[in-house]
PDB file of N, CA and C in Angstrom:
ATOM      1  N   UNK A   1      33.352 -83.296-114.181  1.00  0.00           N
ATOM      2  CA  UNK A   1      33.495 -82.132-114.338  1.00  0.00           C
ATOM      3  C   UNK A   1      33.863 -81.547-115.259  1.00  0.00           C
ATOM      4  N   UNK A   2      33.549 -80.796-115.690  1.00  0.00           N
ATOM      5  CA  UNK A   2      34.125 -79.396-116.730  1.00  0.00           C
ATOM      6  C   UNK A   2      35.459 -78.429-116.481  1.00  0.00           C
ATOM      7  N   UNK A   3      35.926 -78.405-116.962  1.00  0.00           N
ATOM      8  CA  UNK A   3      36.743 -76.770-116.547  1.00  0.00           C
ATOM      9  C   UNK A   3      36.447 -76.248-115.650  1.00  0.00           C
ATOM     10  N   UNK A   4      34.898 -75.442-116.513  1.00  0.00           N
ATOM     11  CA  UNK A   4      34.445 -74.480-116.003  1.00  0.00           C
ATOM     12  C   UNK A   4      33.342 -75.020-114.212  1.00  0.00           C
ATOM     13  N   UNK A   5      32.933 -75.672-114.393  1.00  0.00           N
ATOM     14  CA  UNK A   5      32.413 -76.355-113.173  1.00  0.00           C
ATOM     15  C   UNK A   5      33.617 -77.002-112.338  1.00  0.00           C
ATOM     16  N   UNK A   6      34.232 -76.856-112.461  1.00  0.00           N
ATOM     17  CA  UNK A   6      35.719 -77.131-111.383  1.00  0.00           C
ATOM     18  C   UNK A   6      36.139 -75.714-110.836  1.00  0.00           C
ATOM     19  N   UNK A   7      36.105 -74.679-112.001  1.00  0.00           N
ATOM     20  CA  UNK A   7      36.469 -73.126-111.353  1.00  0.00           C
ATOM     21  C   UNK A   7      35.653 -72.825-110.953  1.00  0.00           C
ATOM     22  N   UNK A   8      33.999 -73.286-111.010  1.00  0.00           N
ATOM     23  CA  UNK A   8      33.272 -72.593-109.698  1.00  0.00           C
ATOM     24  C   UNK A   8      33.410 -73.148-108.974  1.00  0.00           C
ATOM     25  N   UNK A   9      33.901 -74.376-108.483  1.00  0.00           N
ATOM     26  CA  UNK A   9      33.334 -75.215-106.982  1.00  0.00           C
ATOM     27  C   UNK A   9      34.400 -74.873-106.719  1.00  0.00           C
ATOM     28  N   UNK A  10      35.760 -74.548-107.188  1.00  0.00           N
ATOM     29  CA  UNK A  10      37.161 -74.128-106.533  1.00  0.00           C
ATOM     30  C   UNK A  10      36.472 -72.454-105.871  1.00  0.00           C
ATOM     31  N   UNK A  11      35.359 -71.712-106.804  1.00  0.00           N
ATOM     32  CA  UNK A  11      35.300 -70.299-106.164  1.00  0.00           C
ATOM     33  C   UNK A  11      34.452 -70.593-104.880  1.00  0.00           C
ATOM     34  N   UNK A  12      33.601 -71.692-105.171  1.00  0.00           N
ATOM     35  CA  UNK A  12      32.523 -71.952-104.097  1.00  0.00           C
ATOM     36  C   UNK A  12      33.092 -72.275-102.928  1.00  0.00           C
ATOM     37  N   UNK A  13      34.265 -73.015-103.310  1.00  0.00           N
ATOM     38  CA  UNK A  13      35.284 -72.831-101.736  1.00  0.00           C
ATOM     39  C   UNK A  13      35.777 -72.171-100.886  1.00  0.00           C
ATOM     40  N   UNK A  14      36.272 -71.082-101.803  1.00  0.00           N
ATOM     41  CA  UNK A  14      36.970 -69.951-100.960  1.00  0.00           C
ATOM     42  C   UNK A  14      35.772 -68.943-100.972  1.00  0.00           C
ATOM     43  N   UNK A  15      34.649 -68.965-101.554  1.00  0.00           N
ATOM     44  CA  UNK A  15      33.984 -67.824-101.005  1.00  0.00           C
ATOM     45  C   UNK A  15      33.337 -68.289 -99.590  1.00  0.00           C
ATOM     46  N   UNK A  16      32.806 -69.519 -99.606  1.00  0.00           N
ATOM     47  CA  UNK A  16      31.993 -70.298 -97.917  1.00  0.00           C
ATOM     48  C   UNK A  16      32.870 -69.155 -96.736  1.00  0.00           C
ATOM     49  N   UNK A  17      33.624 -69.458 -97.006  1.00  0.00           N
ATOM     50  CA  UNK A  17      34.372 -68.702 -95.548  1.00  0.00           C
ATOM     51  C   UNK A  17      35.698 -67.868 -96.624  1.00  0.00           C
ATOM     52  N   UNK A  18      35.375 -66.446 -96.278  1.00  0.00           N
ATOM     53  CA  UNK A  18      36.394 -65.719 -97.210  1.00  0.00           C
ATOM     54  C   UNK A  18      37.119 -65.120 -96.468  1.00  0.00           C
ATOM     55  N   UNK A  19      37.351 -65.318 -95.082  1.00  0.00           N
ATOM     56  CA  UNK A  19      38.351 -64.560 -93.830  1.00  0.00           C
ATOM     57  C   UNK A  19      39.669 -66.196 -94.076  1.00  0.00           C
ATOM     58  N   UNK A  20      39.338 -67.334 -94.564  1.00  0.00           N
ATOM     59  CA  UNK A  20      40.064 -68.464 -93.760  1.00  0.00           C
ATOM     60  C   UNK A  20      41.014 -68.142 -95.698  1.00  0.00           C
ATOM     61  N   UNK A  21      42.326 -68.755 -95.481  1.00  0.00           N
ATOM     62  CA  UNK A  21      42.954 -69.031 -96.229  1.00  0.00           C
ATOM     63  C   UNK A  21      43.499 -70.727 -96.604  1.00  0.00           C
ATOM     64  N   UNK A  22      43.426 -71.226 -98.075  1.00  0.00           N
ATOM     65  CA  UNK A  22      42.983 -72.777 -97.505  1.00  0.00           C
ATOM     66  C   UNK A  22      44.207 -72.503 -98.637  1.00  0.00           C
ATOM     67  N   UNK A  23      45.541 -73.824 -98.384  1.00  0.00           N
ATOM     68  CA  UNK A  23      46.412 -74.237 -98.749  1.00  0.00           C
ATOM     69  C   UNK A  23      45.472 -75.278-100.349  1.00  0.00           C
ATOM     70  N   UNK A  24      46.954 -75.325-100.780  1.00  0.00           N
ATOM     71  CA  UNK A  24      46.059 -76.216-102.511  1.00  0.00           C
ATOM     72  C   UNK A  24      46.094 -77.407-102.254  1.00  0.00           C
ATOM     73  N   UNK A  25      46.985 -78.161-100.981  1.00  0.00           N
ATOM     74  CA  UNK A  25      46.637 -79.273-100.440  1.00  0.00           C
ATOM     75  C   UNK A  25      45.235 -79.812 -99.885  1.00  0.00           C
ATOM     76  N   UNK A  26      44.543 -78.536 -99.150  1.00  0.00           N
ATOM     77  CA  UNK A  26      43.669 -78.594 -98.470  1.00  0.00           C
ATOM     78  C   UNK A  26      42.269 -78.350 -99.793  1.00  0.00           C
ATOM     79  N   UNK A  27      42.653 -77.753-100.775  1.00  0.00           N
ATOM     80  CA  UNK A  27      41.465 -77.538-101.500  1.00  0.00           C
ATOM     81  C   UNK A  27      41.335 -79.177-102.546  1.00  0.00           C
ATOM     82  N   UNK A  28      42.954 -79.600-102.598  1.00  0.00           N
ATOM     83  CA  UNK A  28      42.533 -80.494-103.463  1.00  0.00           C
ATOM     84  C   UNK A  28      41.695 -82.192-102.725  1.00  0.00           C
ATOM     85  N   UNK A  29      42.131 -82.696-100.918  1.00  0.00           N
ATOM     86  CA  UNK A  29      41.582 -82.917-100.494  1.00  0.00           C
ATOM     87  C   UNK A  29      40.116 -82.862-100.363  1.00  0.00           C
ATOM     88  N   UNK A  30      39.584 -81.490-100.052  1.00  0.00           N
ATOM     89  CA  UNK A  30      38.055 -81.620-100.887  1.00  0.00           C
ATOM     90  C   UNK A  30      37.353 -82.122-101.312  1.00  0.00           C
ATOM     91  N   UNK A  31      38.205 -81.708-103.246  1.00  0.00           N
ATOM     92  CA  UNK A  31      37.625 -82.425-103.805  1.00  0.00           C
ATOM     93  C   UNK A  31      37.811 -84.132-104.071  1.00  0.00           C
ATOM     94  N   UNK A  32      38.693 -84.977-103.274  1.00  0.00           N
ATOM     95  CA  UNK A  32      38.384 -85.876-102.775  1.00  0.00           C
ATOM     96  C   UNK A  32      39.237 -86.489-104.178  1.00  0.00           C
ATOM     97  N   UNK A  33      39.704 -87.902-103.792  1.00  0.00           N
ATOM     98  CA  UNK A  33      40.687 -88.791-105.183  1.00  0.00           C
ATOM     99  C   UNK A  33      39.838 -88.579-106.279  1.00  0.00           C
ATOM    100  N   UNK A  34      39.909 -87.914-107.279  1.00  0.00           N
ATOM    101  CA  UNK A  34      38.965 -88.058-108.721  1.00  0.00           C
ATOM    102  C   UNK A  34      40.108 -87.918-109.971  1.00  0.00           C
ATOM    103  N   UNK A  35      39.476 -88.428-110.806  1.00  0.00           N
ATOM    104  CA  UNK A  35      40.092 -88.215-111.811  1.00  0.00           C
ATOM    105  C   UNK A  35      40.460 -86.888-112.144  1.00  0.00           C
ATOM    106  N   UNK A  36      39.870 -85.958-111.879  1.00  0.00           N
ATOM    107  CA  UNK A  36      40.367 -84.729-112.195  1.00  0.00           C
ATOM    108  C   UNK A  36      41.647 -83.719-111.457  1.00  0.00           C
ATOM    109  N   UNK A  37      42.194 -84.075-110.787  1.00  0.00           N
ATOM    110  CA  UNK A  37      43.660 -83.590-110.330  1.00  0.00           C
ATOM    111  C   UNK A  37      44.217 -82.834-111.073  1.00  0.00           C
ATOM    112  N   UNK A  38      44.495 -83.479-111.913  1.00  0.00           N
ATOM    113  CA  UNK A  38      45.502 -82.916-112.538  1.00  0.00           C
ATOM    114  C   UNK A  38      45.063 -81.183-113.274  1.00  0.00           C
ATOM    115  N   UNK A  39      43.269 -81.924-113.511  1.00  0.00           N
ATOM    116  CA  UNK A  39      42.838 -80.092-113.912  1.00  0.00           C
ATOM    117  C   UNK A  39      42.085 -79.320-113.050  1.00  0.00           C
ATOM    118  N   UNK A  40      42.409 -79.985-111.450  1.00  0.00           N
ATOM    119  CA  UNK A  40      42.196 -79.171-110.332  1.00  0.00           C
ATOM    120  C   UNK A  40      43.049 -78.507-110.091  1.00  0.00           C
ATOM    121  N   UNK A  41      44.385 -79.313-110.550  1.00  0.00           N
ATOM    122  CA  UNK A  41      46.034 -78.519-110.185  1.00  0.00           C
ATOM    123  C   UNK A  41      46.545 -77.022-110.752  1.00  0.00           C
ATOM    124  N   UNK A  42      45.577 -77.513-112.219  1.00  0.00           N
ATOM    125  CA  UNK A  42      45.732 -76.357-113.073  1.00  0.00           C
ATOM    126  C   UNK A  42      45.309 -75.110-113.450  1.00  0.00           C
ATOM    127  N   UNK A  43      44.156 -74.976-112.457  1.00  0.00           N
ATOM    128  CA  UNK A  43      43.214 -74.424-112.779  1.00  0.00           C
ATOM    129  C   UNK A  43      43.794 -73.455-111.327  1.00  0.00           C
ATOM    130  N   UNK A  44      44.471 -74.094-110.133  1.00  0.00           N
ATOM    131  CA  UNK A  44      44.896 -73.675-109.152  1.00  0.00           C
ATOM    132  C   UNK A  44      46.054 -72.520-109.133  1.00  0.00           C
ATOM    133  N   UNK A  45      46.801 -73.110-110.276  1.00  0.00           N
ATOM    134  CA  UNK A  45      48.148 -71.876-110.577  1.00  0.00           C
ATOM    135  C   UNK A  45      47.579 -71.165-111.586  1.00  0.00           C
ATOM    136  N   UNK A  46      46.845 -71.242-112.478  1.00  0.00           N
ATOM    137  CA  UNK A  46      46.516 -69.948-113.180  1.00  0.00           C
ATOM    138  C   UNK A  46      45.543 -69.189-111.918  1.00  0.00           C
ATOM    139  N   UNK A  47      44.848 -69.547-110.793  1.00  0.00           N
ATOM    140  CA  UNK A  47      44.165 -68.710-110.383  1.00  0.00           C
ATOM    141  C   UNK A  47      45.678 -68.246-109.657  1.00  0.00           C
ATOM    142  N   UNK A  48      46.644 -69.041-109.624  1.00  0.00           N
ATOM    143  CA  UNK A  48      48.073 -67.806-108.339  1.00  0.00           C
ATOM    144  C   UNK A  48      48.425 -67.190-109.253  1.00  0.00           C
ATOM    145  N   UNK A  49      48.620 -67.142-110.618  1.00  0.00           N
ATOM    146  CA  UNK A  49      48.826 -66.884-111.995  1.00  0.00           C
ATOM    147  C   UNK A  49      48.291 -64.893-111.723  1.00  0.00           C
ATOM    148  N   UNK A  50      47.253 -65.532-111.853  1.00  0.00           N
ATOM    149  CA  UNK A  50      45.893 -64.207-112.397  1.00  0.00           C
ATOM    150  C   UNK A  50      46.382 -63.651-111.160  1.00  0.00           C
ATOM    151  N   UNK A  51      46.115 -64.194-110.273  1.00  0.00           N
ATOM    152  CA  UNK A  51      46.333 -63.107-108.754  1.00  0.00           C
ATOM    153  C   UNK A  51      47.565 -62.316-108.806  1.00  0.00           C
ATOM    154  N   UNK A  52      48.404 -62.524-109.506  1.00  0.00           N
ATOM    155  CA  UNK A  52      49.368 -61.819-109.181  1.00  0.00           C
ATOM    156  C   UNK A  52      49.446 -60.730-110.240  1.00  0.00           C
ATOM    157  N   UNK A  53      48.386 -60.312-111.646  1.00  0.00           N
ATOM    158  CA  UNK A  53      48.241 -59.205-112.078  1.00  0.00           C
ATOM    159  C   UNK A  53      47.270 -58.769-111.891  1.00  0.00           C
ATOM    160  N   UNK A  54      48.131 -57.187-111.469  1.00  0.00           N
ATOM    161  CA  UNK A  54      46.903 -56.395-110.906  1.00  0.00           C
ATOM    162  C   UNK A  54      45.578 -55.790-111.568  1.00  0.00           C
ATOM    163  N   UNK A  55      46.253 -56.567-113.305  1.00  0.00           N
ATOM    164  CA  UNK A  55      44.972 -55.690-114.164  1.00  0.00           C
ATOM    165  C   UNK A  55      44.862 -56.757-114.092  1.00  0.00           C
ATOM    166  N   UNK A  56      44.412 -57.624-113.947  1.00  0.00           N
ATOM    167  CA  UNK A  56      43.405 -58.992-114.653  1.00  0.00           C
ATOM    168  C   UNK A  56      42.557 -58.750-113.237  1.00  0.00           C
ATOM    169  N   UNK A  57      42.920 -58.060-112.002  1.00  0.00           N
ATOM    170  CA  UNK A  57      41.204 -57.466-111.358  1.00  0.00           C
ATOM    171  C   UNK A  57      40.863 -58.777-110.301  1.00  0.00           C
ATOM    172  N   UNK A  58      41.900 -59.822-109.914  1.00  0.00           N
ATOM    173  CA  UNK A  58      41.207 -61.843-109.697  1.00  0.00           C
ATOM    174  C   UNK A  58      41.100 -61.600-108.407  1.00  0.00           C
ATOM    175  N   UNK A  59      39.480 -62.430-108.177  1.00  0.00           N
ATOM    176  CA  UNK A  59      38.926 -62.566-106.799  1.00  0.00           C
ATOM    177  C   UNK A  59      39.500 -62.996-106.061  1.00  0.00           C
ATOM    178  N   UNK A  60      40.874 -63.847-106.230  1.00  0.00           N
ATOM    179  CA  UNK A  60      40.608 -64.937-105.154  1.00  0.00           C
ATOM    180  C   UNK A  60      42.513 -63.962-105.304  1.00  0.00           C
ATOM    181  N   UNK A  61      42.719 -64.229-103.801  1.00  0.00           N
ATOM    182  CA  UNK A  61      43.852 -63.658-103.848  1.00  0.00           C
ATOM    183  C   UNK A  61      44.953 -65.156-103.662  1.00  0.00           C
ATOM    184  N   UNK A  62      46.127 -64.851-104.144  1.00  0.00           N
ATOM    185  CA  UNK A  62      46.887 -66.287-103.822  1.00  0.00           C
ATOM    186  C   UNK A  62      48.676 -65.539-102.958  1.00  0.00           C
ATOM    187  N   UNK A  63      49.185 -66.672-102.177  1.00  0.00           N
ATOM    188  CA  UNK A  63      50.247 -66.622-101.469  1.00  0.00           C
ATOM    189  C   UNK A  63      51.323 -67.657-101.602  1.00  0.00           C
ATOM    190  N   UNK A  64      52.442 -67.462-101.207  1.00  0.00           N
ATOM    191  CA  UNK A  64      53.159 -68.609-100.485  1.00  0.00           C
ATOM    192  C   UNK A  64      53.701 -68.632 -99.587  1.00  0.00           C
ATOM    193  N   UNK A  65      53.461 -69.271 -98.881  1.00  0.00           N
ATOM    194  CA  UNK A  65      54.597 -68.763 -97.711  1.00  0.00           C
ATOM    195  C   UNK A  65      54.931 -70.776 -97.029  1.00  0.00           C
ATOM    196  N   UNK A  66      56.465 -70.260 -96.580  1.00  0.00           N
ATOM    197  CA  UNK A  66      57.215 -71.774 -96.182  1.00  0.00           C
ATOM    198  C   UNK A  66      56.568 -72.377 -97.260  1.00  0.00           C
ATOM    199  N   UNK A  67      56.786 -72.556 -98.327  1.00  0.00           N
ATOM    200  CA  UNK A  67      56.974 -73.324 -99.910  1.00  0.00           C
ATOM    201  C   UNK A  67      55.681 -73.767 -99.941  1.00  0.00           C
ATOM    202  N   UNK A  68      54.287 -73.276 -99.257  1.00  0.00           N
ATOM    203  CA  UNK A  68      53.234 -73.647 -99.915  1.00  0.00           C
ATOM    204  C   UNK A  68      52.401 -72.963-100.221  1.00  0.00           C
ATOM    205  N   UNK A  69      51.565 -72.710-101.004  1.00  0.00           N
ATOM    206  CA  UNK A  69      50.595 -71.485-101.830  1.00  0.00           C
ATOM    207  C   UNK A  69      49.124 -71.806-101.008  1.00  0.00           C
ATOM    208  N   UNK A  70      48.888 -70.827-100.548  1.00  0.00           N
ATOM    209  CA  UNK A  70      47.558 -70.297-100.101  1.00  0.00           C
ATOM    210  C   UNK A  70      46.613 -69.523-101.056  1.00  0.00           C
ATOM    211  N   UNK A  71      45.690 -69.779-101.073  1.00  0.00           N
ATOM    212  CA  UNK A  71      44.336 -69.405-101.906  1.00  0.00           C
ATOM    213  C   UNK A  71      43.382 -68.326-100.670  1.00  0.00           C
ATOM    214  N   UNK A  72      42.991 -67.192-101.274  1.00  0.00           N
ATOM    215  CA  UNK A  72      41.714 -66.828-100.377  1.00  0.00           C
ATOM    216  C   UNK A  72      41.091 -66.083-101.361  1.00  0.00           C
ATOM    217  N   UNK A  73      39.626 -66.064-100.690  1.00  0.00           N
ATOM    218  CA  UNK A  73      38.689 -64.822-101.651  1.00  0.00           C
ATOM    219  C   UNK A  73      39.005 -63.608-101.162  1.00  0.00           C
ATOM    220  N   UNK A  74      39.185 -62.848-102.281  1.00  0.00           N
ATOM    221  CA  UNK A  74      39.609 -61.538-102.363  1.00  0.00           C
ATOM    222  C   UNK A  74      38.648 -60.552-102.226  1.00  0.00           C
ATOM    223  N   UNK A  75      38.020 -60.031-101.186  1.00  0.00           N
ATOM    224  CA  UNK A  75      37.107 -59.136-100.986  1.00  0.00           C
ATOM    225  C   UNK A  75      37.195 -57.868-101.454  1.00  0.00           C
TER     226      UNK A  75
END
């Protein structure tokens, strides 16, 4: 999968249940054990940073609770 396809898949996962928060581990597990784990990790990190930048207007909300990062579709 290309980087853009991975990003689209992550967004698709979050859009399925927009009220639900997914942990980083849950998202990785949804992709299964694939060669692109590092690419998914990298994209999740980028989404986390972009969600903290108010100017970016990110459609993904990320927060850290108890040492675990959670992602949610930002309605």
